[in-house]
C-alpha atoms as a PDB file:
ATOM      1  CA  MET A   1     -27.951   4.149  20.015  1.00  0.00           C
ATOM      2  CA  ARG A   2     -27.320   0.624  18.719  1.00  0.00           C
ATOM      3  CA  HIS A   3     -23.630   1.444  18.131  1.00  0.00           C
ATOM      4  CA  ILE A   4     -23.289   2.920  21.639  1.00  0.00           C
ATOM      5  CA  ILE A   5     -24.786  -0.204  23.201  1.00  0.00           C
ATOM      6  CA  LEU A   6     -22.475  -2.413  21.116  1.00  0.00           C
ATOM      7  CA  ALA A   7     -19.425  -0.428  22.220  1.00  0.00           C
ATOM      8  CA  LEU A   8     -20.472  -0.653  25.877  1.00  0.00           C
ATOM      9  CA  LEU A   9     -21.009  -4.391  25.617  1.00  0.00           C
ATOM     10  CA  LEU A  10     -17.588  -4.879  24.038  1.00  0.00           C
ATOM     11  CA  VAL A  11     -15.846  -2.809  26.682  1.00  0.00           C
ATOM     12  CA  ALA A  12     -17.724  -4.634  29.457  1.00  0.00           C
ATOM     13  CA  GLY A  13     -16.663  -7.944  27.946  1.00  0.00           C
ATOM     14  CA  GLY A  14     -13.004  -6.942  27.993  1.00  0.00           C
ATOM     15  CA  THR A  15     -12.751  -6.032  24.285  1.00  0.00           C
ATOM     16  CA  THR A  16     -12.284  -2.431  23.198  1.00  0.00           C
ATOM     17  CA  LEU A  17     -13.899  -1.315  19.945  1.00  0.00           C
ATOM     18  CA  ILE A  18     -11.128   0.512  18.099  1.00  0.00           C
ATOM     19  CA  VAL A  19     -11.603   3.077  15.362  1.00  0.00           C
ATOM     20  CA  GLY A  20     -12.930   1.560  12.150  1.00  0.00           C
ATOM     21  CA  GLN A  21     -13.985  -1.740  13.686  1.00  0.00           C
ATOM     22  CA  SER A  22     -17.442  -3.058  12.961  1.00  0.00           C
ATOM     23  CA  ALA A  23     -19.180  -6.331  13.566  1.00  0.00           C
ATOM     24  CA  ASN A  24     -20.628  -6.039  10.048  1.00  0.00           C
ATOM     25  CA  TRP A  25     -17.684  -5.433   7.712  1.00  0.00           C
ATOM     26  CA  TYR A  26     -18.636  -8.203   5.288  1.00  0.00           C
ATOM     27  CA  PRO A  27     -20.063  -8.872   2.823  1.00  0.00           C
ATOM     28  CA  SER A  28     -18.476  -5.853   1.174  1.00  0.00           C
ATOM     29  CA  ARG A  29     -20.329  -2.965  -0.419  1.00  0.00           C
ATOM     30  CA  TRP A  30     -19.482  -4.503  -3.806  1.00  0.00           C
ATOM     31  CA  GLY A  31     -21.179  -7.789  -3.044  1.00  0.00           C
ATOM     32  CA  ALA A  32     -20.296 -11.123  -1.469  1.00  0.00           C
ATOM     33  CA  ALA A  33     -18.553 -12.407  -4.607  1.00  0.00           C
ATOM     34  CA  ASP A  34     -16.283  -9.391  -5.076  1.00  0.00           C
ATOM     35  CA  GLN A  35     -12.506  -9.897  -5.144  1.00  0.00           C
ATOM     36  CA  ARG A  36     -11.374  -6.429  -6.293  1.00  0.00           C
ATOM     37  CA  GLY A  37     -12.313  -4.267  -3.325  1.00  0.00           C
ATOM     38  CA  ALA A  38     -11.726  -0.538  -3.696  1.00  0.00           C
ATOM     39  CA  ALA A  39     -10.324  -1.040  -7.212  1.00  0.00           C
ATOM     40  CA  ASN A  40     -14.002  -0.964  -8.187  1.00  0.00           C
ATOM     41  CA  ARG A  41     -13.900   2.781  -7.516  1.00  0.00           C
ATOM     42  CA  ILE A  42     -11.677   3.347 -10.540  1.00  0.00           C
ATOM     43  CA  THR A  43     -14.328   4.067 -13.131  1.00  0.00           C
ATOM     44  CA  PRO A  44     -13.820   5.348 -16.676  1.00  0.00           C
ATOM     45  CA  ALA A  45     -14.521   8.825 -15.254  1.00  0.00           C
ATOM     46  CA  LYS A  46     -11.611   8.454 -12.800  1.00  0.00           C
ATOM     47  CA  VAL A  47      -9.293   7.363 -15.613  1.00  0.00           C
ATOM     48  CA  LEU A  48     -10.271  10.418 -17.658  1.00  0.00           C
ATOM     49  CA  GLU A  49      -9.776  12.616 -14.605  1.00  0.00           C
ATOM     50  CA  ALA A  50      -6.243  11.239 -14.305  1.00  0.00           C
ATOM     51  CA  LYS A  51      -5.576  11.898 -17.997  1.00  0.00           C
ATOM     52  CA  ASN A  52      -6.528  15.538 -17.542  1.00  0.00           C
ATOM     53  CA  LEU A  53      -3.855  15.949 -14.842  1.00  0.00           C
ATOM     54  CA  ILE A  54      -1.060  15.356 -17.363  1.00  0.00           C
ATOM     55  CA  SER A  55       0.127  18.729 -18.642  1.00  0.00           C
ATOM     56  CA  LYS A  56       3.943  18.724 -18.342  1.00  0.00           C
ATOM     57  CA  GLY A  57       4.832  15.219 -19.471  1.00  0.00           C
ATOM     58  CA  THR A  58       6.975  14.633 -16.364  1.00  0.00           C
ATOM     59  CA  VAL A  59       7.191  10.978 -15.281  1.00  0.00           C
ATOM     60  CA  TYR A  60       8.150   9.951 -11.743  1.00  0.00           C
ATOM     61  CA  GLN A  61       9.206   6.387 -10.998  1.00  0.00           C
ATOM     62  CA  LEU A  62       7.889   5.486  -7.532  1.00  0.00           C
ATOM     63  CA  GLY A  63       9.546   2.087  -7.148  1.00  0.00           C
ATOM     64  CA  HIS A  64      12.907   1.310  -5.570  1.00  0.00           C
ATOM     65  CA  VAL A  65      15.486  -0.807  -7.383  1.00  0.00           C
ATOM     66  CA  TYR A  66      15.187  -4.482  -6.403  1.00  0.00           C
ATOM     67  CA  GLU A  67      18.658  -5.504  -5.293  1.00  0.00           C
ATOM     68  CA  THR A  68      20.578  -7.605  -2.823  1.00  0.00           C
ATOM     69  CA  GLY A  69      20.907  -5.766   0.483  1.00  0.00           C
ATOM     70  CA  MET A  70      17.624  -3.881   0.411  1.00  0.00           C
ATOM     71  CA  PRO A  71      15.721  -3.782   3.745  1.00  0.00           C
ATOM     72  CA  MET A  72      13.783  -6.996   4.479  1.00  0.00           C
ATOM     73  CA  PHE A  73      12.203  -8.737   7.448  1.00  0.00           C
ATOM     74  CA  GLY A  74      12.499 -12.189   8.982  1.00  0.00           C
ATOM     75  CA  THR A  75      13.097 -15.005   6.508  1.00  0.00           C
ATOM     76  CA  ARG A  76      12.215 -12.948   3.445  1.00  0.00           C
ATOM     77  CA  HIS A  77      14.929 -12.885   0.829  1.00  0.00           C
ATOM     78  CA  PHE A  78      15.727 -11.727  -2.671  1.00  0.00           C
ATOM     79  CA  SER A  79      18.446 -12.883  -5.025  1.00  0.00           C
ATOM     80  CA  LEU A  80      19.088 -12.606  -8.743  1.00  0.00           C
ATOM     81  CA  ARG A  81      21.562 -14.768 -10.644  1.00  0.00           C
ATOM     82  CA  ILE A  82      22.653 -14.974 -14.267  1.00  0.00           C
ATOM     83  CA  PRO A  83      23.223 -18.738 -14.582  1.00  0.00           C
ATOM     84  CA  GLN A  84      25.030 -18.741 -17.913  1.00  0.00           C
ATOM     85  CA  ALA A  85      25.157 -17.334 -21.418  1.00  0.00           C
ATOM     86  CA  PHE A  86      23.280 -19.196 -24.150  1.00  0.00           C
ATOM     87  CA  GLY A  87      24.818 -19.488 -27.585  1.00  0.00           C
ATOM     88  CA  PRO A  88      26.321 -18.423 -29.793  1.00  0.00           C
ATOM     89  CA  GLN A  89      23.729 -19.630 -32.286  1.00  0.00           C
ATOM     90  CA  GLY A  90      23.682 -19.406 -36.066  1.00  0.00           C
ATOM     91  CA  THR A  91      26.219 -17.927 -38.367  1.00  0.00           C
ATOM     92  CA  ASN A  92      25.376 -14.504 -36.888  1.00  0.00           C
ATOM     93  CA  LYS A  93      26.472 -15.812 -33.445  1.00  0.00           C
ATOM     94  CA  THR A  94      23.451 -14.714 -31.391  1.00  0.00           C
ATOM     95  CA  ILE A  95      24.085 -14.996 -27.668  1.00  0.00           C
ATOM     96  CA  TYR A  96      21.755 -14.149 -24.788  1.00  0.00           C
ATOM     97  CA  HIS A  97      21.342 -14.087 -21.008  1.00  0.00           C
ATOM     98  CA  ASP A  98      18.467 -15.155 -18.765  1.00  0.00           C
ATOM     99  CA  GLU A  99      18.104 -14.568 -15.061  1.00  0.00           C
ATOM    100  CA  LEU A 100      16.968 -16.653 -12.112  1.00  0.00           C
ATOM    101  CA  VAL A 101      15.127 -14.717  -9.392  1.00  0.00           C
ATOM    102  CA  SER A 102      14.425 -16.194  -5.980  1.00  0.00           C
ATOM    103  CA  GLY A 103      12.474 -14.434  -3.249  1.00  0.00           C
ATOM    104  CA  GLU A 104       9.093 -13.373  -1.898  1.00  0.00           C
ATOM    105  CA  ILE A 105       8.543 -11.077  -4.839  1.00  0.00           C
ATOM    106  CA  GLY A 106       5.109 -10.032  -3.585  1.00  0.00           C
ATOM    107  CA  GLN A 107       6.381  -8.914  -0.192  1.00  0.00           C
ATOM    108  CA  VAL A 108       9.878  -7.462  -0.587  1.00  0.00           C
ATOM    109  CA  GLY A 109      11.098  -4.095  -1.833  1.00  0.00           C
ATOM    110  CA  THR A 110       8.464  -1.781  -3.216  1.00  0.00           C
ATOM    111  CA  GLN A 111       5.406  -3.902  -2.520  1.00  0.00           C
ATOM    112  CA  PHE A 112       1.706  -3.752  -3.285  1.00  0.00           C
ATOM    113  CA  ASP A 113      -0.398  -5.503  -0.629  1.00  0.00           C
ATOM    114  CA  GLY A 114      -3.351  -7.434  -2.036  1.00  0.00           C
ATOM    115  CA  LEU A 115      -6.584  -8.388  -0.305  1.00  0.00           C
ATOM    116  CA  GLY A 116      -5.268 -11.850   0.571  1.00  0.00           C
ATOM    117  CA  HIS A 117      -2.292 -10.496   2.514  1.00  0.00           C
ATOM    118  CA  ILE A 118      -3.841  -9.328   5.804  1.00  0.00           C
ATOM    119  CA  GLY A 119      -6.793 -10.616   7.799  1.00  0.00           C
ATOM    120  CA  VAL A 120      -8.518 -10.342  11.142  1.00  0.00           C
ATOM    121  CA  ASP A 121      -7.771 -13.611  12.904  1.00  0.00           C
ATOM    122  CA  ASP A 122      -8.759 -16.184  10.252  1.00  0.00           C
ATOM    123  CA  THR A 123     -11.123 -13.876   8.348  1.00  0.00           C
ATOM    124  CA  PHE A 124     -10.073 -11.889   5.297  1.00  0.00           C
ATOM    125  CA  TYR A 125     -11.755  -9.453   2.908  1.00  0.00           C
ATOM    126  CA  ASN A 126     -15.402 -10.242   2.224  1.00  0.00           C
ATOM    127  CA  GLY A 127     -15.518 -12.802   5.019  1.00  0.00           C
ATOM    128  CA  HIS A 128     -13.274 -15.401   3.383  1.00  0.00           C
ATOM    129  CA  LYS A 129     -11.875 -17.876   5.916  1.00  0.00           C
ATOM    130  CA  ARG A 130      -8.175 -18.601   5.628  1.00  0.00           C
ATOM    131  CA  GLN A 131      -8.585 -22.373   5.768  1.00  0.00           C
ATOM    132  CA  ASP A 132     -10.928 -22.219   2.759  1.00  0.00           C
ATOM    133  CA  PHE A 133      -8.736 -20.292   0.308  1.00  0.00           C
ATOM    134  CA  ALA A 134      -5.087 -20.213   1.457  1.00  0.00           C
ATOM    135  CA  LYS A 135      -3.385 -23.176  -0.212  1.00  0.00           C
ATOM    136  CA  ALA A 136       0.317 -23.978  -0.513  1.00  0.00           C
ATOM    137  CA  GLU A 137       0.073 -23.551  -4.298  1.00  0.00           C
ATOM    138  CA  GLY A 138      -1.519 -20.096  -3.994  1.00  0.00           C
ATOM    139  CA  LEU A 139      -4.675 -18.356  -2.865  1.00  0.00           C
ATOM    140  CA  THR A 140      -7.844 -19.655  -4.506  1.00  0.00           C
ATOM    141  CA  LYS A 141      -9.600 -16.387  -3.604  1.00  0.00           C
ATOM    142  CA  LEU A 142      -8.337 -12.808  -3.358  1.00  0.00           C
ATOM    143  CA  GLY A 143      -5.238 -13.483  -5.488  1.00  0.00           C
ATOM    144  CA  ILE A 144      -3.476 -10.447  -6.902  1.00  0.00           C
ATOM    145  CA  GLU A 145      -4.580 -11.370 -10.430  1.00  0.00           C
ATOM    146  CA  ASN A 146      -8.065 -10.068  -9.571  1.00  0.00           C
ATOM    147  CA  VAL A 147      -7.011  -6.446  -9.008  1.00  0.00           C
ATOM    148  CA  GLY A 148      -6.614  -5.236 -12.565  1.00  0.00           C
ATOM    149  CA  ALA A 149      -4.818  -2.102 -13.777  1.00  0.00           C
ATOM    150  CA  LEU A 150      -5.017   1.019 -11.613  1.00  0.00           C
ATOM    151  CA  VAL A 151      -5.151   4.355 -13.423  1.00  0.00           C
ATOM    152  CA  THR A 152      -6.571   7.174 -11.348  1.00  0.00           C
ATOM    153  CA  ARG A 153      -5.961  10.521  -9.687  1.00  0.00           C
ATOM    154  CA  GLY A 154      -3.010  10.451  -7.299  1.00  0.00           C
ATOM    155  CA  VAL A 155      -2.495  12.795  -4.359  1.00  0.00           C
ATOM    156  CA  LEU A 156       0.715  13.222  -2.363  1.00  0.00           C
ATOM    157  CA  ILE A 157       0.235  14.372   1.228  1.00  0.00           C
ATOM    158  CA  ASP A 158       3.583  15.763   2.358  1.00  0.00           C
ATOM    159  CA  VAL A 159       3.343  15.445   6.130  1.00  0.00           C
ATOM    160  CA  ALA A 160       7.088  15.974   6.592  1.00  0.00           C
ATOM    161  CA  ALA A 161       6.855  19.389   4.930  1.00  0.00           C
ATOM    162  CA  TYR A 162       3.724  20.228   6.920  1.00  0.00           C
ATOM    163  CA  LYS A 163       5.656  19.480  10.121  1.00  0.00           C
ATOM    164  CA  ASN A 164       8.641  21.429   8.746  1.00  0.00           C
ATOM    165  CA  VAL A 165      11.087  18.543   9.144  1.00  0.00           C
ATOM    166  CA  PRO A 166      13.099  16.580   6.566  1.00  0.00           C
ATOM    167  CA  ARG A 167      12.033  13.300   8.171  1.00  0.00           C
ATOM    168  CA  LEU A 168       9.421  12.421  10.763  1.00  0.00           C
ATOM    169  CA  GLN A 169      10.606  10.589  13.861  1.00  0.00           C
ATOM    170  CA  GLY A 170      10.252   6.820  13.985  1.00  0.00           C
ATOM    171  CA  GLY A 171       7.025   5.914  15.766  1.00  0.00           C
ATOM    172  CA  TYR A 172       5.353   9.265  15.004  1.00  0.00           C
ATOM    173  CA  GLU A 173       1.609   8.723  14.582  1.00  0.00           C
ATOM    174  CA  ILE A 174       0.201  10.780  11.730  1.00  0.00           C
ATOM    175  CA  SER A 175      -3.249  11.982  12.743  1.00  0.00           C
ATOM    176  CA  ALA A 176      -6.294  12.949  10.731  1.00  0.00           C
ATOM    177  CA  ALA A 177      -5.526  16.556  11.710  1.00  0.00           C
ATOM    178  CA  ASP A 178      -2.031  16.175  10.183  1.00  0.00           C
ATOM    179  CA  LEU A 179      -3.527  14.957   6.905  1.00  0.00           C
ATOM    180  CA  GLN A 180      -6.084  17.750   6.884  1.00  0.00           C
ATOM    181  CA  GLY A 181      -3.451  20.358   7.715  1.00  0.00           C
ATOM    182  CA  ALA A 182      -1.099  19.186   4.991  1.00  0.00           C
ATOM    183  CA  LEU A 183      -3.917  19.057   2.429  1.00  0.00           C
ATOM    184  CA  LYS A 184      -5.000  22.578   3.342  1.00  0.00           C
ATOM    185  CA  ARG A 185      -1.409  23.780   2.975  1.00  0.00           C
ATOM    186  CA  GLN A 186      -1.271  22.150  -0.470  1.00  0.00           C
ATOM    187  CA  GLY A 187      -4.702  23.442  -1.529  1.00  0.00           C
ATOM    188  CA  LEU A 188      -6.055  19.976  -2.278  1.00  0.00           C
ATOM    189  CA  GLU A 189      -8.798  17.594  -1.222  1.00  0.00           C
ATOM    190  CA  VAL A 190      -9.067  13.813  -1.372  1.00  0.00           C
ATOM    191  CA  ARG A 191     -11.848  12.415  -3.545  1.00  0.00           C
ATOM    192  CA  PRO A 192     -13.418   8.950  -3.986  1.00  0.00           C
ATOM    193  CA  GLY A 193     -11.285   6.590  -6.047  1.00  0.00           C
ATOM    194  CA  ASP A 194      -8.035   8.470  -5.414  1.00  0.00           C
ATOM    195  CA  VAL A 195      -4.680   6.921  -4.605  1.00  0.00           C
ATOM    196  CA  VAL A 196      -3.194   8.734  -1.611  1.00  0.00           C
ATOM    197  CA  LEU A 197       0.574   8.686  -0.997  1.00  0.00           C
ATOM    198  CA  VAL A 198       2.072   9.959   2.254  1.00  0.00           C
ATOM    199  CA  ASN A 199       5.569  11.443   2.354  1.00  0.00           C
ATOM    200  CA  THR A 200       7.304  11.138   5.729  1.00  0.00           C
ATOM    201  CA  GLY A 201      10.926  11.533   4.635  1.00  0.00           C
ATOM    202  CA  TRP A 202      11.629   8.005   5.914  1.00  0.00           C
ATOM    203  CA  GLY A 203      12.678   6.862   2.457  1.00  0.00           C
ATOM    204  CA  SER A 204      15.935   8.803   2.865  1.00  0.00           C
ATOM    205  CA  LEU A 205      17.155   5.892   5.027  1.00  0.00           C
ATOM    206  CA  TRP A 206      16.665   3.285   2.275  1.00  0.00           C
ATOM    207  CA  MET A 207      19.949   1.457   1.521  1.00  0.00           C
ATOM    208  CA  LYS A 208      21.769   4.064   3.650  1.00  0.00           C
ATOM    209  CA  ASP A 209      20.791   2.889   7.135  1.00  0.00           C
ATOM    210  CA  ASN A 210      18.668  -0.243   6.763  1.00  0.00           C
ATOM    211  CA  ALA A 211      18.768  -0.961  10.484  1.00  0.00           C
ATOM    212  CA  ALA A 212      17.197   2.404  11.260  1.00  0.00           C
ATOM    213  CA  PHE A 213      14.755   2.031   8.375  1.00  0.00           C
ATOM    214  CA  THR A 214      13.357  -1.242   9.728  1.00  0.00           C
ATOM    215  CA  ARG A 215      13.603  -0.507  13.469  1.00  0.00           C
ATOM    216  CA  ASN A 216      10.316   1.441  13.542  1.00  0.00           C
ATOM    217  CA  ALA A 217       8.477   3.884  11.305  1.00  0.00           C
ATOM    218  CA  PRO A 218       6.313   6.979  11.265  1.00  0.00           C
ATOM    219  CA  GLY A 219       2.948   6.455   9.650  1.00  0.00           C
ATOM    220  CA  ILE A 220      -0.775   6.934   9.729  1.00  0.00           C
ATOM    221  CA  GLY A 221      -2.693   5.975  12.841  1.00  0.00           C
ATOM    222  CA  LEU A 222      -6.230   4.631  13.089  1.00  0.00           C
ATOM    223  CA  GLY A 223      -7.752   8.107  13.097  1.00  0.00           C
ATOM    224  CA  ALA A 224      -5.943   9.062   9.893  1.00  0.00           C
ATOM    225  CA  GLY A 225      -6.810   5.682   8.410  1.00  0.00           C
ATOM    226  CA  GLN A 226     -10.477   6.227   9.142  1.00  0.00           C
ATOM    227  CA  TYR A 227     -10.257   9.707   7.603  1.00  0.00           C
ATOM    228  CA  LEU A 228      -9.086   8.110   4.337  1.00  0.00           C
ATOM    229  CA  VAL A 229     -11.671   5.318   4.565  1.00  0.00           C
ATOM    230  CA  ASP A 230     -14.388   7.961   4.891  1.00  0.00           C
ATOM    231  CA  ARG A 231     -13.107   9.614   1.717  1.00  0.00           C
ATOM    232  CA  GLN A 232     -13.449   6.318  -0.138  1.00  0.00           C
ATOM    233  CA  VAL A 233      -9.922   6.091  -1.489  1.00  0.00           C
ATOM    234  CA  THR A 234      -8.688   3.159  -3.552  1.00  0.00           C
ATOM    235  CA  MET A 235      -5.209   2.851  -2.083  1.00  0.00           C
ATOM    236  CA  VAL A 236      -2.893   4.319   0.540  1.00  0.00           C
ATOM    237  CA  GLY A 237       0.868   4.270   0.021  1.00  0.00           C
ATOM    238  CA  GLY A 238       3.980   5.709   1.580  1.00  0.00           C
ATOM    239  CA  ASP A 239       7.746   5.811   1.794  1.00  0.00           C
ATOM    240  CA  THR A 240       7.967   3.460   4.789  1.00  0.00           C
ATOM    241  CA  TRP A 241       7.858  -0.325   5.074  1.00  0.00           C
ATOM    242  CA  SER A 242       4.571  -0.232   6.968  1.00  0.00           C
ATOM    243  CA  VAL A 243       2.664   2.881   5.793  1.00  0.00           C
ATOM    244  CA  GLU A 244       1.080   2.855   9.273  1.00  0.00           C
ATOM    245  CA  VAL A 245       2.830   3.910  12.481  1.00  0.00           C
ATOM    246  CA  VAL A 246       5.098   1.286  14.083  1.00  0.00           C
ATOM    247  CA  PRO A 247       4.988   0.611  16.927  1.00  0.00           C
ATOM    248  CA  ASN A 248       1.346   1.455  17.422  1.00  0.00           C
ATOM    249  CA  PRO A 249       0.782   3.816  20.385  1.00  0.00           C
ATOM    250  CA  ASP A 250      -1.451   1.109  21.836  1.00  0.00           C
ATOM    251  CA  ALA A 251       1.059  -1.642  22.602  1.00  0.00           C
ATOM    252  CA  LYS A 252      -1.710  -4.259  22.485  1.00  0.00           C
ATOM    253  CA  LEU A 253      -2.329  -3.656  18.772  1.00  0.00           C
ATOM    254  CA  ALA A 254      -0.365  -5.095  15.847  1.00  0.00           C
ATOM    255  CA  PHE A 255      -0.847  -3.457  12.426  1.00  0.00           C
ATOM    256  CA  PRO A 256      -4.463  -2.376  13.055  1.00  0.00           C
ATOM    257  CA  VAL A 257      -4.426   0.137  10.172  1.00  0.00           C
ATOM    258  CA  HIS A 258      -3.649  -2.690   7.755  1.00  0.00           C
ATOM    259  CA  GLN A 259      -6.749  -4.465   9.093  1.00  0.00           C
ATOM    260  CA  LEU A 260      -8.862  -1.335   8.827  1.00  0.00           C
ATOM    261  CA  LEU A 261      -7.880  -0.698   5.213  1.00  0.00           C
ATOM    262  CA  ILE A 262      -7.449  -4.120   3.598  1.00  0.00           C
ATOM    263  CA  PRO A 263      -9.904  -6.700   4.995  1.00  0.00           C
ATOM    264  CA  LYS A 264     -12.491  -4.298   6.391  1.00  0.00           C
ATOM    265  CA  ASN A 265     -12.659  -1.809   3.533  1.00  0.00           C
ATOM    266  CA  GLY A 266     -10.912  -3.409   0.546  1.00  0.00           C
ATOM    267  CA  ILE A 267      -8.420  -0.528   0.328  1.00  0.00           C
ATOM    268  CA  TYR A 268      -4.966  -1.491  -0.933  1.00  0.00           C
ATOM    269  CA  ILE A 269      -1.620  -0.556   0.619  1.00  0.00           C
ATOM    270  CA  PHE A 270       1.600   0.245  -1.287  1.00  0.00           C
ATOM    271  CA  GLU A 271       4.774   0.152   0.798  1.00  0.00           C
ATOM    272  CA  ASN A 272       8.343   1.353   0.265  1.00  0.00           C
ATOM    273  CA  LEU A 273       7.532   3.900  -2.410  1.00  0.00           C
ATOM    274  CA  VAL A 274       9.869   6.645  -3.606  1.00  0.00           C
ATOM    275  CA  THR A 275       7.977   9.838  -2.737  1.00  0.00           C
ATOM    276  CA  GLU A 276      10.877  12.235  -2.232  1.00  0.00           C
ATOM    277  CA  ASP A 277      10.987  13.341  -5.882  1.00  0.00           C
ATOM    278  CA  LEU A 278       7.306  14.241  -5.851  1.00  0.00           C
ATOM    279  CA  ALA A 279       7.782  16.125  -2.577  1.00  0.00           C
ATOM    280  CA  ARG A 280      10.832  17.984  -3.899  1.00  0.00           C
ATOM    281  CA  ASP A 281       8.893  19.204  -6.936  1.00  0.00           C
ATOM    282  CA  ARG A 282       5.711  19.848  -4.934  1.00  0.00           C
ATOM    283  CA  ALA A 283       3.961  17.497  -7.325  1.00  0.00           C
ATOM    284  CA  TYR A 284       0.934  17.009  -5.112  1.00  0.00           C
ATOM    285  CA  GLU A 285      -1.591  15.973  -7.795  1.00  0.00           C
ATOM    286  CA  PHE A 286      -0.872  13.639 -10.697  1.00  0.00           C
ATOM    287  CA  ALA A 287      -2.009  10.719 -12.811  1.00  0.00           C
ATOM    288  CA  PHE A 288      -1.167   7.476 -11.003  1.00  0.00           C
ATOM    289  CA  MET A 289      -0.606   4.270 -12.980  1.00  0.00           C
ATOM    290  CA  PHE A 290       0.172   0.752 -11.809  1.00  0.00           C
ATOM    291  CA  ALA A 291      -0.611  -2.749 -13.020  1.00  0.00           C
ATOM    292  CA  PRO A 292       0.167  -5.536 -10.521  1.00  0.00           C
ATOM    293  CA  LEU A 293       1.856  -8.593 -11.953  1.00  0.00           C
ATOM    294  CA  ARG A 294      -0.818 -11.177 -12.725  1.00  0.00           C
ATOM    295  CA  LEU A 295       0.615 -13.775 -10.364  1.00  0.00           C
ATOM    296  CA  LYS A 296      -2.262 -16.191  -9.867  1.00  0.00           C
ATOM    297  CA  GLY A 297      -2.881 -16.724  -6.166  1.00  0.00           C
ATOM    298  CA  ALA A 298      -0.237 -14.262  -4.952  1.00  0.00           C
ATOM    299  CA  THR A 299      -0.688 -12.067  -1.868  1.00  0.00           C
ATOM    300  CA  GLY A 300       0.944  -9.026  -3.439  1.00  0.00           C
ATOM    301  CA  SER A 301       3.033  -7.717  -6.281  1.00  0.00           C
ATOM    302  CA  PRO A 302       6.341  -5.979  -6.870  1.00  0.00           C
ATOM    303  CA  GLY A 303       6.392  -3.114  -9.296  1.00  0.00           C
ATOM    304  CA  ASN A 304       7.372   0.363 -10.339  1.00  0.00           C
ATOM    305  CA  PRO A 305       4.259   2.558 -10.214  1.00  0.00           C
ATOM    306  CA  LEU A 306       4.297   5.839 -12.090  1.00  0.00           C
ATOM    307  CA  ALA A 307       3.156   9.345 -11.294  1.00  0.00           C
ATOM    308  CA  ILE A 308       2.736  11.531 -14.374  1.00  0.00           C
ATOM    309  CA  ARG A 309       2.150  15.280 -14.476  1.00  0.00           C
END
């Protein structure tokens, strides 16, 4: 009854309570001092569960190559230069190269979104206020260095195959029913602590039609997001730049699934993953491994996560 009254009051006041919203989403279930969020769900038992999924020794690289010309937004950029050769040194004439990388390495290419990346107005995970922890030199709370290594059971939900299409249409909202239908088709269930990856077929546009890739995207909607929240996952990833549907069917909303997952539930997001190889091989269950770069105060991390069967 209390929740019904709250919803009525919000609607009467001109604010609609969307799926997954709550006036009491912090402090988190892991305590007011927590900075790891849903990574806390990866227990030794989950690591051992992942180990037991390795039977073939097949390794899938889920990260795209970081290169000039990959899809990016706004003022984000990436460049790599080899400034010079050093040497030769010694009578054995040793010579070597270094590289200089410039770019938003936490938020370009295959990217892992940390808890300091997305907020609700000025409030981030566990109630942290932006003005208190977001400094020019880096985040003093919720930096990516707090996440730790992620080794757990991974599940691919192949929504494109469930819909019998090679690629979902841009702007298609994946529903909870879509996730349930695809899981039933695959004979799997999602369990607490899992990493869930969604294949939409959108990755086929990467570096082939970047304009189409970035114009919009299929992805999970709020209902599907809440379905995964209820199953207590650790992370949601996909082969699109947003993981969630863009544009949202409600034109008034901007990236509400990011808000539902990251600040409100401490669930991480992994964007621009390579899922097509897993989908091709019907590799729906696997050991998932990823260790974010320990960039103190960073909002996210690049990387090449692995799925192992």
